[in-house]
Amino acid sequence: MAITKTTTVELIEVRPAANSSAANSSNEKYNSAMVVYKNILDDSSDDDLPVTAKTTKYFYKFVADGGAATNYSSEDALVKAVLDAIWE
């Protein structure tokens, strides 16, 4: 059998802007988010599985201050909806 990976969102935490009067091109002006994903690796023919691992990602409006907008198009639908809402 093949190993399967299932990923789910476990937690989304929105953090307030560090400085609402910062320049429009600064990450400090916008809310940020921390997302915790739960990854489960499983193979029904392996008694040592499933294995669970967590991954944490941090999202800021820009890749770097003054840089391009962060691309989060490959993230989970819930994460995209939250990021869209906090950065509209």
PDB file of N, CA and C in Angstrom:
ATOM      1  N   MET A   1       0.829  -1.192   0.000  1.00  0.00           N
ATOM      2  CA  MET A   1       0.000   0.000   0.000  1.00  0.00           C
ATOM      3  C   MET A   1       0.871   1.252   0.000  1.00  0.00           C
ATOM      4  N   ALA A   2       0.266   2.318  -0.412  1.00  0.00           N
ATOM      5  CA  ALA A   2       0.959   3.603  -0.442  1.00  0.00           C
ATOM      6  C   ALA A   2       0.645   4.395   0.823  1.00  0.00           C
ATOM      7  N   ILE A   3       1.567   5.219   1.188  1.00  0.00           N
ATOM      8  CA  ILE A   3       1.354   6.104   2.322  1.00  0.00           C
ATOM      9  C   ILE A   3       0.467   7.260   1.863  1.00  0.00           C
ATOM     10  N   THR A   4      -0.536   7.565   2.663  1.00  0.00           N
ATOM     11  CA  THR A   4      -1.417   8.698   2.356  1.00  0.00           C
ATOM     12  C   THR A   4      -1.170   9.806   3.382  1.00  0.00           C
ATOM     13  N   LYS A   5      -1.320  11.017   2.917  1.00  0.00           N
ATOM     14  CA  LYS A   5      -1.151  12.176   3.789  1.00  0.00           C
ATOM     15  C   LYS A   5      -2.451  12.963   3.805  1.00  0.00           C
ATOM     16  N   THR A   6      -2.937  13.236   5.001  1.00  0.00           N
ATOM     17  CA  THR A   6      -4.137  14.047   5.175  1.00  0.00           C
ATOM     18  C   THR A   6      -3.750  15.281   5.983  1.00  0.00           C
ATOM     19  N   THR A   7      -4.081  16.456   5.454  1.00  0.00           N
ATOM     20  CA  THR A   7      -3.742  17.709   6.126  1.00  0.00           C
ATOM     21  C   THR A   7      -5.018  18.472   6.453  1.00  0.00           C
ATOM     22  N   THR A   8      -5.128  18.905   7.699  1.00  0.00           N
ATOM     23  CA  THR A   8      -6.279  19.702   8.120  1.00  0.00           C
ATOM     24  C   THR A   8      -5.783  20.912   8.906  1.00  0.00           C
ATOM     25  N   VAL A   9      -6.586  21.971   8.879  1.00  0.00           N
ATOM     26  CA  VAL A   9      -6.278  23.155   9.667  1.00  0.00           C
ATOM     27  C   VAL A   9      -6.696  22.884  11.099  1.00  0.00           C
ATOM     28  N   GLU A  10      -5.776  23.071  12.024  1.00  0.00           N
ATOM     29  CA  GLU A  10      -6.088  22.862  13.431  1.00  0.00           C
ATOM     30  C   GLU A  10      -6.356  24.184  14.150  1.00  0.00           C
ATOM     31  N   LEU A  11      -5.658  25.249  13.734  1.00  0.00           N
ATOM     32  CA  LEU A  11      -5.774  26.524  14.435  1.00  0.00           C
ATOM     33  C   LEU A  11      -5.398  27.664  13.493  1.00  0.00           C
ATOM     34  N   ILE A  12      -6.175  28.736  13.550  1.00  0.00           N
ATOM     35  CA  ILE A  12      -5.810  29.980  12.877  1.00  0.00           C
ATOM     36  C   ILE A  12      -5.866  31.077  13.933  1.00  0.00           C
ATOM     37  N   GLU A  13      -4.760  31.781  14.073  1.00  0.00           N
ATOM     38  CA  GLU A  13      -4.694  32.879  15.037  1.00  0.00           C
ATOM     39  C   GLU A  13      -4.374  34.157  14.274  1.00  0.00           C
ATOM     40  N   VAL A  14      -5.249  35.137  14.385  1.00  0.00           N
ATOM     41  CA  VAL A  14      -5.026  36.432  13.737  1.00  0.00           C
ATOM     42  C   VAL A  14      -4.410  37.370  14.765  1.00  0.00           C
ATOM     43  N   ARG A  15      -3.334  38.012  14.347  1.00  0.00           N
ATOM     44  CA  ARG A  15      -2.631  38.934  15.238  1.00  0.00           C
ATOM     45  C   ARG A  15      -2.826  40.359  14.738  1.00  0.00           C
ATOM     46  N   PRO A  16      -3.045  41.296  15.636  1.00  0.00           N
ATOM     47  CA  PRO A  16      -3.299  42.678  15.207  1.00  0.00           C
ATOM     48  C   PRO A  16      -2.059  43.333  14.616  1.00  0.00           C
ATOM     49  N   ALA A  17      -2.313  44.369  13.845  1.00  0.00           N
ATOM     50  CA  ALA A  17      -1.223  45.138  13.245  1.00  0.00           C
ATOM     51  C   ALA A  17      -0.317  45.683  14.342  1.00  0.00           C
ATOM     52  N   ALA A  18       0.980  45.671  14.087  1.00  0.00           N
ATOM     53  CA  ALA A  18       1.942  46.174  15.070  1.00  0.00           C
ATOM     54  C   ALA A  18       1.956  47.700  15.110  1.00  0.00           C
ATOM     55  N   ASN A  19       1.659  48.323  13.957  1.00  0.00           N
ATOM     56  CA  ASN A  19       1.716  49.783  13.878  1.00  0.00           C
ATOM     57  C   ASN A  19       0.767  50.245  12.777  1.00  0.00           C
ATOM     58  N   SER A  20      -0.452  50.590  13.130  1.00  0.00           N
ATOM     59  CA  SER A  20      -1.462  50.955  12.133  1.00  0.00           C
ATOM     60  C   SER A  20      -1.132  52.236  11.379  1.00  0.00           C
ATOM     61  N   SER A  21      -0.164  53.000  11.859  1.00  0.00           N
ATOM     62  CA  SER A  21       0.217  54.226  11.147  1.00  0.00           C
ATOM     63  C   SER A  21       1.478  54.031  10.295  1.00  0.00           C
ATOM     64  N   ALA A  22       1.940  52.800  10.163  1.00  0.00           N
ATOM     65  CA  ALA A  22       3.119  52.515   9.328  1.00  0.00           C
ATOM     66  C   ALA A  22       2.778  52.749   7.861  1.00  0.00           C
ATOM     67  N   ALA A  23       3.793  52.757   7.022  1.00  0.00           N
ATOM     68  CA  ALA A  23       3.603  52.956   5.582  1.00  0.00           C
ATOM     69  C   ALA A  23       2.731  51.840   5.006  1.00  0.00           C
ATOM     70  N   ASN A  24       1.983  52.153   3.962  1.00  0.00           N
ATOM     71  CA  ASN A  24       1.096  51.166   3.329  1.00  0.00           C
ATOM     72  C   ASN A  24       1.849  49.948   2.803  1.00  0.00           C
ATOM     73  N   SER A  25       3.131  50.081   2.547  1.00  0.00           N
ATOM     74  CA  SER A  25       3.934  48.977   2.017  1.00  0.00           C
ATOM     75  C   SER A  25       4.623  48.171   3.122  1.00  0.00           C
ATOM     76  N   SER A  26       4.307  48.465   4.371  1.00  0.00           N
ATOM     77  CA  SER A  26       4.943  47.805   5.506  1.00  0.00           C
ATOM     78  C   SER A  26       4.036  46.727   6.091  1.00  0.00           C
ATOM     79  N   ASN A  27       4.606  45.589   6.426  1.00  0.00           N
ATOM     80  CA  ASN A  27       3.836  44.517   7.069  1.00  0.00           C
ATOM     81  C   ASN A  27       3.298  44.943   8.430  1.00  0.00           C
ATOM     82  N   GLU A  28       3.968  45.878   9.084  1.00  0.00           N
ATOM     83  CA  GLU A  28       3.530  46.328  10.410  1.00  0.00           C
ATOM     84  C   GLU A  28       2.150  46.983  10.377  1.00  0.00           C
ATOM     85  N   LYS A  29       1.730  47.483   9.231  1.00  0.00           N
ATOM     86  CA  LYS A  29       0.447  48.175   9.113  1.00  0.00           C
ATOM     87  C   LYS A  29      -0.743  47.203   9.082  1.00  0.00           C
ATOM     88  N   TYR A  30      -0.496  45.944   8.809  1.00  0.00           N
ATOM     89  CA  TYR A  30      -1.574  44.975   8.573  1.00  0.00           C
ATOM     90  C   TYR A  30      -1.559  43.844   9.599  1.00  0.00           C
ATOM     91  N   ASN A  31      -2.735  43.264   9.812  1.00  0.00           N
ATOM     92  CA  ASN A  31      -2.836  42.075  10.647  1.00  0.00           C
ATOM     93  C   ASN A  31      -2.011  40.953  10.025  1.00  0.00           C
ATOM     94  N   SER A  32      -1.589  40.020  10.843  1.00  0.00           N
ATOM     95  CA  SER A  32      -0.889  38.826  10.353  1.00  0.00           C
ATOM     96  C   SER A  32      -1.618  37.602  10.897  1.00  0.00           C
ATOM     97  N   ALA A  33      -1.221  36.438  10.436  1.00  0.00           N
ATOM     98  CA  ALA A  33      -1.894  35.221  10.885  1.00  0.00           C
ATOM     99  C   ALA A  33      -0.886  34.088  11.080  1.00  0.00           C
ATOM    100  N   MET A  34      -1.198  33.251  12.049  1.00  0.00           N
ATOM    101  CA  MET A  34      -0.449  32.026  12.287  1.00  0.00           C
ATOM    102  C   MET A  34      -1.428  30.869  12.057  1.00  0.00           C
ATOM    103  N   VAL A  35      -1.004  29.895  11.262  1.00  0.00           N
ATOM    104  CA  VAL A  35      -1.858  28.746  10.969  1.00  0.00           C
ATOM    105  C   VAL A  35      -1.124  27.478  11.383  1.00  0.00           C
ATOM    106  N   VAL A  36      -1.814  26.630  12.138  1.00  0.00           N
ATOM    107  CA  VAL A  36      -1.264  25.332  12.520  1.00  0.00           C
ATOM    108  C   VAL A  36      -2.007  24.262  11.728  1.00  0.00           C
ATOM    109  N   TYR A  37      -1.244  23.503  10.952  1.00  0.00           N
ATOM    110  CA  TYR A  37      -1.791  22.388  10.180  1.00  0.00           C
ATOM    111  C   TYR A  37      -1.467  21.076  10.883  1.00  0.00           C
ATOM    112  N   LYS A  38      -2.408  20.140  10.835  1.00  0.00           N
ATOM    113  CA  LYS A  38      -2.182  18.799  11.366  1.00  0.00           C
ATOM    114  C   LYS A  38      -2.052  17.853  10.179  1.00  0.00           C
ATOM    115  N   ASN A  39      -0.917  17.179  10.082  1.00  0.00           N
ATOM    116  CA  ASN A  39      -0.640  16.250   8.988  1.00  0.00           C
ATOM    117  C   ASN A  39      -0.648  14.823   9.528  1.00  0.00           C
ATOM    118  N   ILE A  40      -1.428  13.971   8.905  1.00  0.00           N
ATOM    119  CA  ILE A  40      -1.488  12.565   9.305  1.00  0.00           C
ATOM    120  C   ILE A  40      -0.981  11.713   8.151  1.00  0.00           C
ATOM    121  N   LEU A  41       0.050  10.907   8.428  1.00  0.00           N
ATOM    122  CA  LEU A  41       0.593   9.972   7.444  1.00  0.00           C
ATOM    123  C   LEU A  41       0.132   8.581   7.845  1.00  0.00           C
ATOM    124  N   ASP A  42      -0.440   7.855   6.884  1.00  0.00           N
ATOM    125  CA  ASP A  42      -1.000   6.546   7.213  1.00  0.00           C
ATOM    126  C   ASP A  42      -0.794   5.556   6.076  1.00  0.00           C
ATOM    127  N   ASP A  43      -0.685   4.304   6.451  1.00  0.00           N
ATOM    128  CA  ASP A  43      -0.615   3.174   5.525  1.00  0.00           C
ATOM    129  C   ASP A  43      -1.248   2.001   6.267  1.00  0.00           C
ATOM    130  N   SER A  44      -2.347   1.511   5.758  1.00  0.00           N
ATOM    131  CA  SER A  44      -3.090   0.458   6.462  1.00  0.00           C
ATOM    132  C   SER A  44      -2.280  -0.822   6.639  1.00  0.00           C
ATOM    133  N   SER A  45      -1.227  -1.002   5.864  1.00  0.00           N
ATOM    134  CA  SER A  45      -0.426  -2.221   5.987  1.00  0.00           C
ATOM    135  C   SER A  45       0.770  -2.055   6.924  1.00  0.00           C
ATOM    136  N   ASP A  46       0.896  -0.896   7.558  1.00  0.00           N
ATOM    137  CA  ASP A  46       2.024  -0.625   8.444  1.00  0.00           C
ATOM    138  C   ASP A  46       1.506  -0.392   9.861  1.00  0.00           C
ATOM    139  N   ASP A  47       1.911  -1.262  10.784  1.00  0.00           N
ATOM    140  CA  ASP A  47       1.446  -1.166  12.173  1.00  0.00           C
ATOM    141  C   ASP A  47       1.997   0.047  12.918  1.00  0.00           C
ATOM    142  N   ASP A  48       3.072   0.651  12.411  1.00  0.00           N
ATOM    143  CA  ASP A  48       3.656   1.822  13.071  1.00  0.00           C
ATOM    144  C   ASP A  48       2.952   3.119  12.688  1.00  0.00           C
ATOM    145  N   LEU A  49       2.054   3.044  11.741  1.00  0.00           N
ATOM    146  CA  LEU A  49       1.326   4.235  11.297  1.00  0.00           C
ATOM    147  C   LEU A  49      -0.107   4.150  11.796  1.00  0.00           C
ATOM    148  N   PRO A  50      -0.816   5.226  11.999  1.00  0.00           N
ATOM    149  CA  PRO A  50      -0.536   6.571  11.507  1.00  0.00           C
ATOM    150  C   PRO A  50       0.438   7.344  12.397  1.00  0.00           C
ATOM    151  N   VAL A  51       1.045   8.352  11.784  1.00  0.00           N
ATOM    152  CA  VAL A  51       1.915   9.292  12.471  1.00  0.00           C
ATOM    153  C   VAL A  51       1.326  10.678  12.255  1.00  0.00           C
ATOM    154  N   THR A  52       1.297  11.456  13.313  1.00  0.00           N
ATOM    155  CA  THR A  52       0.772  12.821  13.232  1.00  0.00           C
ATOM    156  C   THR A  52       1.906  13.815  13.459  1.00  0.00           C
ATOM    157  N   ALA A  53       1.951  14.820  12.606  1.00  0.00           N
ATOM    158  CA  ALA A  53       2.941  15.900  12.745  1.00  0.00           C
ATOM    159  C   ALA A  53       2.218  17.218  12.525  1.00  0.00           C
ATOM    160  N   LYS A  54       2.668  18.239  13.219  1.00  0.00           N
ATOM    161  CA  LYS A  54       2.057  19.560  13.053  1.00  0.00           C
ATOM    162  C   LYS A  54       3.047  20.485  12.356  1.00  0.00           C
ATOM    163  N   THR A  55       2.494  21.365  11.521  1.00  0.00           N
ATOM    164  CA  THR A  55       3.274  22.359  10.797  1.00  0.00           C
ATOM    165  C   THR A  55       2.682  23.725  11.099  1.00  0.00           C
ATOM    166  N   THR A  56       3.532  24.683  11.407  1.00  0.00           N
ATOM    167  CA  THR A  56       3.070  26.043  11.677  1.00  0.00           C
ATOM    168  C   THR A  56       3.578  26.957  10.578  1.00  0.00           C
ATOM    169  N   LYS A  57       2.665  27.785  10.039  1.00  0.00           N
ATOM    170  CA  LYS A  57       3.028  28.764   9.019  1.00  0.00           C
ATOM    171  C   LYS A  57       2.596  30.145   9.492  1.00  0.00           C
ATOM    172  N   TYR A  58       3.406  31.138   9.152  1.00  0.00           N
ATOM    173  CA  TYR A  58       3.107  32.522   9.484  1.00  0.00           C
ATOM    174  C   TYR A  58       2.858  33.284   8.187  1.00  0.00           C
ATOM    175  N   PHE A  59       1.808  34.094   8.173  1.00  0.00           N
ATOM    176  CA  PHE A  59       1.431  34.829   6.973  1.00  0.00           C
ATOM    177  C   PHE A  59       1.425  36.329   7.249  1.00  0.00           C
ATOM    178  N   TYR A  60       2.096  37.051   6.375  1.00  0.00           N
ATOM    179  CA  TYR A  60       2.138  38.503   6.399  1.00  0.00           C
ATOM    180  C   TYR A  60       1.651  39.007   5.054  1.00  0.00           C
ATOM    181  N   LYS A  61       1.111  40.205   5.000  1.00  0.00           N
ATOM    182  CA  LYS A  61       0.541  40.736   3.755  1.00  0.00           C
ATOM    183  C   LYS A  61       1.560  40.760   2.619  1.00  0.00           C
ATOM    184  N   PHE A  62       2.801  41.105   2.936  1.00  0.00           N
ATOM    185  CA  PHE A  62       3.844  41.194   1.917  1.00  0.00           C
ATOM    186  C   PHE A  62       4.947  40.175   2.197  1.00  0.00           C
ATOM    187  N   VAL A  63       5.590  39.717   1.123  1.00  0.00           N
ATOM    188  CA  VAL A  63       6.719  38.794   1.272  1.00  0.00           C
ATOM    189  C   VAL A  63       7.817  39.467   2.093  1.00  0.00           C
ATOM    190  N   ALA A  64       8.049  40.737   1.825  1.00  0.00           N
ATOM    191  CA  ALA A  64       8.972  41.577   2.581  1.00  0.00           C
ATOM    192  C   ALA A  64       8.428  42.997   2.518  1.00  0.00           C
ATOM    193  N   ASP A  65       8.795  43.832   3.478  1.00  0.00           N
ATOM    194  CA  ASP A  65       8.328  45.219   3.447  1.00  0.00           C
ATOM    195  C   ASP A  65       8.653  45.839   2.095  1.00  0.00           C
ATOM    196  N   GLY A  66       7.650  46.445   1.473  1.00  0.00           N
ATOM    197  CA  GLY A  66       7.834  47.067   0.173  1.00  0.00           C
ATOM    198  C   GLY A  66       7.875  46.078  -0.972  1.00  0.00           C
ATOM    199  N   GLY A  67       7.683  44.803  -0.683  1.00  0.00           N
ATOM    200  CA  GLY A  67       7.778  43.761  -1.703  1.00  0.00           C
ATOM    201  C   GLY A  67       6.428  43.346  -2.243  1.00  0.00           C
ATOM    202  N   ALA A  68       6.426  42.239  -2.943  1.00  0.00           N
ATOM    203  CA  ALA A  68       5.211  41.698  -3.547  1.00  0.00           C
ATOM    204  C   ALA A  68       4.269  41.169  -2.470  1.00  0.00           C
ATOM    205  N   ALA A  69       3.000  41.109  -2.823  1.00  0.00           N
ATOM    206  CA  ALA A  69       2.002  40.550  -1.910  1.00  0.00           C
ATOM    207  C   ALA A  69       2.263  39.058  -1.723  1.00  0.00           C
ATOM    208  N   THR A  70       1.966  38.555  -0.546  1.00  0.00           N
ATOM    209  CA  THR A  70       2.134  37.139  -0.252  1.00  0.00           C
ATOM    210  C   THR A  70       1.153  36.317  -1.087  1.00  0.00           C
ATOM    211  N   ASN A  71       1.646  35.256  -1.696  1.00  0.00           N
ATOM    212  CA  ASN A  71       0.804  34.351  -2.477  1.00  0.00           C
ATOM    213  C   ASN A  71       0.371  33.197  -1.575  1.00  0.00           C
ATOM    214  N   TYR A  72      -0.902  33.135  -1.276  1.00  0.00           N
ATOM    215  CA  TYR A  72      -1.429  32.068  -0.417  1.00  0.00           C
ATOM    216  C   TYR A  72      -2.493  31.256  -1.162  1.00  0.00           C
ATOM    217  N   SER A  73      -2.447  31.281  -2.469  1.00  0.00           N
ATOM    218  CA  SER A  73      -3.469  30.623  -3.291  1.00  0.00           C
ATOM    219  C   SER A  73      -3.485  29.102  -3.143  1.00  0.00           C
ATOM    220  N   SER A  74      -2.401  28.502  -2.682  1.00  0.00           N
ATOM    221  CA  SER A  74      -2.359  27.049  -2.535  1.00  0.00           C
ATOM    222  C   SER A  74      -2.774  26.586  -1.137  1.00  0.00           C
ATOM    223  N   GLU A  75      -3.139  27.514  -0.285  1.00  0.00           N
ATOM    224  CA  GLU A  75      -3.522  27.151   1.087  1.00  0.00           C
ATOM    225  C   GLU A  75      -4.961  26.635   1.139  1.00  0.00           C
ATOM    226  N   ASP A  76      -5.311  26.060   2.271  1.00  0.00           N
ATOM    227  CA  ASP A  76      -6.658  25.558   2.536  1.00  0.00           C
ATOM    228  C   ASP A  76      -7.693  26.677   2.345  1.00  0.00           C
ATOM    229  N   ALA A  77      -8.893  26.311   1.926  1.00  0.00           N
ATOM    230  CA  ALA A  77      -9.954  27.292   1.655  1.00  0.00           C
ATOM    231  C   ALA A  77     -10.260  28.163   2.870  1.00  0.00           C
ATOM    232  N   LEU A  78     -10.246  27.596   4.055  1.00  0.00           N
ATOM    233  CA  LEU A  78     -10.509  28.376   5.271  1.00  0.00           C
ATOM    234  C   LEU A  78      -9.410  29.415   5.496  1.00  0.00           C
ATOM    235  N   VAL A  79      -8.170  29.021   5.297  1.00  0.00           N
ATOM    236  CA  VAL A  79      -7.045  29.945   5.460  1.00  0.00           C
ATOM    237  C   VAL A  79      -7.164  31.083   4.447  1.00  0.00           C
ATOM    238  N   LYS A  80      -7.476  30.761   3.202  1.00  0.00           N
ATOM    239  CA  LYS A  80      -7.641  31.796   2.177  1.00  0.00           C
ATOM    240  C   LYS A  80      -8.754  32.765   2.556  1.00  0.00           C
ATOM    241  N   ALA A  81      -9.856  32.253   3.068  1.00  0.00           N
ATOM    242  CA  ALA A  81     -10.982  33.114   3.445  1.00  0.00           C
ATOM    243  C   ALA A  81     -10.589  34.058   4.585  1.00  0.00           C
ATOM    244  N   VAL A  82      -9.874  33.551   5.568  1.00  0.00           N
ATOM    245  CA  VAL A  82      -9.458  34.396   6.691  1.00  0.00           C
ATOM    246  C   VAL A  82      -8.473  35.462   6.218  1.00  0.00           C
ATOM    247  N   LEU A  83      -7.476  35.068   5.431  1.00  0.00           N
ATOM    248  CA  LEU A  83      -6.491  36.041   4.945  1.00  0.00           C
ATOM    249  C   LEU A  83      -7.134  37.084   4.050  1.00  0.00           C
ATOM    250  N   ASP A  84      -8.064  36.655   3.186  1.00  0.00           N
ATOM    251  CA  ASP A  84      -8.797  37.617   2.366  1.00  0.00           C
ATOM    252  C   ASP A  84      -9.520  38.637   3.251  1.00  0.00           C
ATOM    253  N   ALA A  85     -10.129  38.153   4.324  1.00  0.00           N
ATOM    254  CA  ALA A  85     -10.904  39.028   5.207  1.00  0.00           C
ATOM    255  C   ALA A  85     -10.026  40.013   5.969  1.00  0.00           C
ATOM    256  N   ILE A  86      -8.870  39.575   6.443  1.00  0.00           N
ATOM    257  CA  ILE A  86      -8.049  40.486   7.249  1.00  0.00           C
ATOM    258  C   ILE A  86      -7.239  41.455   6.397  1.00  0.00           C
ATOM    259  N   TRP A  87      -7.093  41.163   5.102  1.00  0.00           N
ATOM    260  CA  TRP A  87      -6.301  42.032   4.237  1.00  0.00           C
ATOM    261  C   TRP A  87      -7.125  42.744   3.174  1.00  0.00           C
ATOM    262  N   GLU A  88      -8.462  42.756   3.295  1.00  0.00           N
ATOM    263  CA  GLU A  88      -9.279  43.399   2.257  1.00  0.00           C
ATOM    264  C   GLU A  88      -9.096  44.880   2.226  1.00  0.00           C
TER     265      GLU A  88
END
